[in-house]
Amino acid sequence: DVADGDRPSIVVTTNILGDVVGEVVGDLADVEVVMPLGADPHDFAPSAKQAEAMENADLLVVNGAGFEEGMDGVIDSTTIFVFADSIELLEGAAHDHEDEATHEDDHGAADPHVWTDPARMIVGVRGLGAALAAVEGIDREALGARLDGYIGKLEALDADIATALDAVPADDRVLVTNHEVFGYFADRYGFEVVGAV
């Protein structure tokens, strides 16, 4: 076993991807998540210590697609993996923010909420696995086994969701949500998002 101080450092911007990275790497690397639970990723700005950790990480993992707007000035690293870049993105939806026009321009046309579709997450996790395998000091064989195990969990989740939704007739597959985050879920499982409250 490698001593804690000798393990590679992986810094992740969001807690959702922090969970994903933590599942994939386990104790093969030290994982630090910048954004706390409940923080608004569009407005969150890291502390000076967090910004330094992001800059010095062996790998910085970000969601991308404009999701971490408050961190744009800090996300500048040669050792970066942008999760959204490995996934076929959907067109973005408008968000409920005070300056809607500016926010939509910041996001561009891409919907950054990729984690609601397990199949797309599998594609992203494979890309993540390749980026992690390139980090010096990570046991690639152990990483491969963990990666396969996590992808198996995502495949099982996808099948479980599809089975659970079999009872919902195609004509009844409509969603009204409190925030536009279920575009990928709707695309995967044949739902129509009719609006956000």
Protein backbone atom coordinates (compact mmCIF):
# COMPACT_ATOMS: atom_id res chain seq x y z
CA ASP A 1 0.00 0.00 0.00
CA VAL A 2 1.12 3.51 -0.83
CA ALA A 3 1.29 6.03 1.99
CA ASP A 4 -1.42 8.70 1.90
CA GLY A 5 1.06 11.47 1.07
CA ASP A 6 2.33 9.51 -1.93
CA ARG A 7 -1.04 8.87 -3.53
CA PRO A 8 -2.03 10.94 -6.56
CA SER A 9 -4.27 13.92 -5.93
CA ILE A 10 -7.56 14.10 -7.83
CA VAL A 11 -9.62 17.27 -7.38
CA VAL A 12 -13.25 17.31 -8.53
CA THR A 13 -15.35 20.44 -8.87
CA THR A 14 -18.84 19.05 -8.09
CA ASN A 15 -20.09 16.65 -5.43
CA ILE A 16 -21.99 14.56 -8.03
CA LEU A 17 -18.82 13.88 -10.00
CA GLY A 18 -16.94 13.60 -6.70
CA ASP A 19 -19.10 10.57 -5.90
CA VAL A 20 -18.38 9.10 -9.35
CA VAL A 21 -14.63 9.66 -9.08
CA GLY A 22 -14.60 8.29 -5.53
CA GLU A 23 -16.35 5.11 -6.67
CA VAL A 24 -13.91 4.64 -9.55
CA VAL A 25 -10.65 5.34 -7.73
CA GLY A 26 -11.43 4.15 -4.20
CA ASP A 27 -8.20 4.35 -2.21
CA LEU A 28 -5.97 4.47 -5.31
CA ALA A 29 -5.82 8.27 -5.04
CA ASP A 30 -6.79 11.09 -2.71
CA VAL A 31 -10.01 12.70 -3.93
CA GLU A 32 -10.97 16.23 -2.91
CA VAL A 33 -14.34 17.74 -3.87
CA VAL A 34 -14.36 21.52 -4.15
CA MET A 35 -18.09 22.29 -4.09
CA PRO A 36 -20.01 21.40 -0.91
CA LEU A 37 -23.46 19.80 -0.98
CA GLY A 38 -26.17 22.33 -1.68
CA ALA A 39 -23.89 24.88 -3.34
CA ASP A 40 -25.11 26.49 -6.56
CA PRO A 41 -22.57 25.41 -9.20
CA HIS A 42 -23.40 28.42 -11.35
CA ASP A 43 -22.35 30.89 -8.64
CA PHE A 44 -19.91 28.97 -6.44
CA ALA A 45 -16.38 30.37 -6.23
CA PRO A 46 -13.62 28.29 -4.61
CA SER A 47 -11.53 29.56 -1.71
CA ALA A 48 -7.87 30.38 -2.26
CA LYS A 49 -6.93 27.00 -0.72
CA GLN A 50 -9.35 25.15 -3.01
CA ALA A 51 -8.07 27.06 -6.04
CA GLU A 52 -4.52 26.05 -5.12
CA ALA A 53 -5.59 22.40 -4.78
CA MET A 54 -7.25 22.59 -8.21
CA GLU A 55 -4.09 24.05 -9.73
CA ASN A 56 -1.78 21.48 -8.11
CA ALA A 57 -3.90 18.37 -8.65
CA ASP A 58 -2.51 15.43 -10.57
CA LEU A 59 -5.90 15.48 -12.31
CA LEU A 60 -8.68 18.06 -12.14
CA VAL A 61 -12.12 16.66 -13.03
CA VAL A 62 -14.79 19.14 -14.08
CA ASN A 63 -18.32 18.73 -15.40
CA GLY A 64 -17.91 21.25 -18.21
CA ALA A 65 -20.59 22.54 -20.60
CA GLY A 66 -20.74 25.78 -18.61
CA PHE A 67 -21.82 24.09 -15.38
CA GLU A 68 -19.10 25.56 -13.14
CA GLU A 69 -19.59 29.20 -14.15
CA GLY A 70 -18.31 30.57 -10.84
CA MET A 71 -15.03 28.68 -11.25
CA ASP A 72 -14.26 29.65 -14.85
CA GLY A 73 -11.34 31.84 -13.80
CA VAL A 74 -9.80 29.04 -11.75
CA ILE A 75 -10.29 26.08 -14.10
CA ASP A 76 -7.09 26.39 -16.04
CA SER A 77 -5.00 23.27 -15.85
CA THR A 78 -3.09 21.08 -18.28
CA THR A 79 -4.12 18.01 -16.26
CA ILE A 80 -7.87 18.32 -16.65
CA PHE A 81 -10.66 15.93 -17.59
CA VAL A 82 -13.88 17.56 -18.76
CA PHE A 83 -16.61 14.99 -18.22
CA ALA A 84 -19.06 16.61 -20.66
CA ASP A 85 -16.51 16.53 -23.49
CA SER A 86 -16.73 12.73 -23.70
CA ILE A 87 -20.54 12.65 -23.93
CA GLU A 88 -22.94 13.51 -26.73
CA LEU A 89 -24.62 16.55 -25.22
CA LEU A 90 -28.21 17.69 -25.67
CA GLU A 91 -29.21 21.25 -26.42
CA GLY A 92 -29.42 23.24 -23.21
CA ALA A 93 -32.53 24.53 -21.58
CA ALA A 94 -32.97 28.00 -20.14
CA HIS A 95 -32.40 28.24 -16.39
CA ASP A 96 -34.24 30.26 -13.81
CA HIS A 97 -31.66 32.88 -12.93
CA GLU A 98 -31.90 36.63 -12.48
CA ASP A 99 -29.90 37.43 -15.62
CA GLU A 100 -31.33 34.78 -17.93
CA ALA A 101 -29.77 36.11 -21.11
CA THR A 102 -26.27 36.18 -19.65
CA HIS A 103 -26.69 32.75 -18.08
CA GLU A 104 -27.85 31.20 -21.34
CA ASP A 105 -24.90 32.77 -23.15
CA ASP A 106 -22.52 31.34 -20.53
CA HIS A 107 -23.95 27.84 -20.93
CA GLY A 108 -24.00 28.04 -24.69
CA ALA A 109 -26.26 25.51 -26.35
CA ALA A 110 -25.24 22.46 -24.27
CA ASP A 111 -27.18 20.98 -21.35
CA PRO A 112 -24.58 20.27 -18.63
CA HIS A 113 -26.79 17.96 -16.48
CA VAL A 114 -25.43 14.71 -17.92
CA TRP A 115 -25.68 12.55 -14.80
CA THR A 116 -29.42 11.80 -15.15
CA ASP A 117 -28.74 9.27 -17.94
CA PRO A 118 -26.80 6.18 -16.78
CA ALA A 119 -25.93 5.21 -20.38
CA ARG A 120 -24.27 8.57 -21.04
CA MET A 121 -22.57 8.35 -17.66
CA ILE A 122 -21.02 5.04 -18.74
CA VAL A 123 -19.47 6.78 -21.74
CA GLY A 124 -18.20 9.58 -19.50
CA VAL A 125 -16.87 7.14 -16.91
CA ARG A 126 -14.90 5.31 -19.61
CA GLY A 127 -13.34 8.62 -20.59
CA LEU A 128 -12.64 9.33 -16.93
CA GLY A 129 -11.00 5.93 -16.61
CA ALA A 130 -8.61 6.73 -19.47
CA ALA A 131 -7.72 10.07 -17.88
CA LEU A 132 -7.15 8.44 -14.48
CA ALA A 133 -5.02 5.69 -16.02
CA ALA A 134 -2.68 8.40 -17.35
CA VAL A 135 -2.08 9.77 -13.83
CA GLU A 136 1.33 8.77 -12.53
CA GLY A 137 1.14 6.61 -9.42
CA ILE A 138 -2.27 5.03 -10.02
CA ASP A 139 -2.36 1.23 -10.10
CA ARG A 140 -3.84 0.72 -13.58
CA GLU A 141 -4.84 -2.89 -13.00
CA ALA A 142 -6.74 -2.07 -9.81
CA LEU A 143 -8.25 0.98 -11.52
CA GLY A 144 -9.46 -1.20 -14.42
CA ALA A 145 -11.18 -3.59 -12.02
CA ARG A 146 -12.86 -0.73 -10.12
CA LEU A 147 -13.88 0.90 -13.39
CA ASP A 148 -15.46 -2.33 -14.67
CA GLY A 149 -17.32 -2.75 -11.38
CA TYR A 150 -18.69 0.79 -11.46
CA ILE A 151 -19.75 0.51 -15.09
CA GLY A 152 -21.55 -2.71 -14.13
CA LYS A 153 -23.44 -0.77 -11.44
CA LEU A 154 -24.44 1.89 -13.97
CA GLU A 155 -25.61 -0.77 -16.43
CA ALA A 156 -27.70 -2.39 -13.69
CA LEU A 157 -29.13 1.01 -12.72
CA ASP A 158 -30.09 1.71 -16.33
CA ALA A 159 -31.86 -1.66 -16.57
CA ASP A 160 -33.61 -1.14 -13.21
CA ILE A 161 -34.89 2.29 -14.23
CA ALA A 162 -36.16 0.96 -17.57
CA THR A 163 -37.93 -1.91 -15.78
CA ALA A 164 -39.48 0.43 -13.21
CA LEU A 165 -40.72 2.72 -15.98
CA ASP A 166 -42.22 -0.12 -18.04
CA ALA A 167 -45.49 0.48 -16.16
CA VAL A 168 -45.71 4.06 -17.47
CA PRO A 169 -47.46 4.15 -20.88
CA ALA A 170 -45.61 6.05 -23.61
CA ASP A 171 -48.40 8.66 -23.82
CA ASP A 172 -48.09 9.38 -20.10
CA ARG A 173 -44.33 9.91 -20.07
CA VAL A 174 -44.29 13.63 -19.35
CA LEU A 175 -42.30 15.51 -16.72
CA VAL A 176 -42.82 18.81 -14.95
CA THR A 177 -39.85 19.66 -12.77
CA ASN A 178 -38.66 22.47 -10.52
CA HIS A 179 -35.45 22.95 -12.54
CA GLU A 180 -34.41 21.94 -16.06
CA VAL A 181 -32.11 19.05 -15.14
CA PHE A 182 -33.89 15.98 -16.51
CA GLY A 183 -33.30 16.40 -20.25
CA TYR A 184 -30.95 13.41 -20.43
CA PHE A 185 -33.27 11.24 -18.32
CA ALA A 186 -36.18 12.19 -20.59
CA ASP A 187 -34.13 11.46 -23.72
CA ARG A 188 -33.00 8.06 -22.41
CA TYR A 189 -36.38 6.81 -21.21
CA GLY A 190 -38.78 8.40 -23.69
CA PHE A 191 -40.21 11.23 -21.58
CA GLU A 192 -41.20 14.72 -22.66
CA VAL A 193 -40.24 17.58 -20.37
CA VAL A 194 -43.26 19.88 -20.67
CA GLY A 195 -41.99 22.57 -18.35
CA ALA A 196 -40.37 23.66 -15.13
CA VAL A 197 -42.28 25.21 -12.25
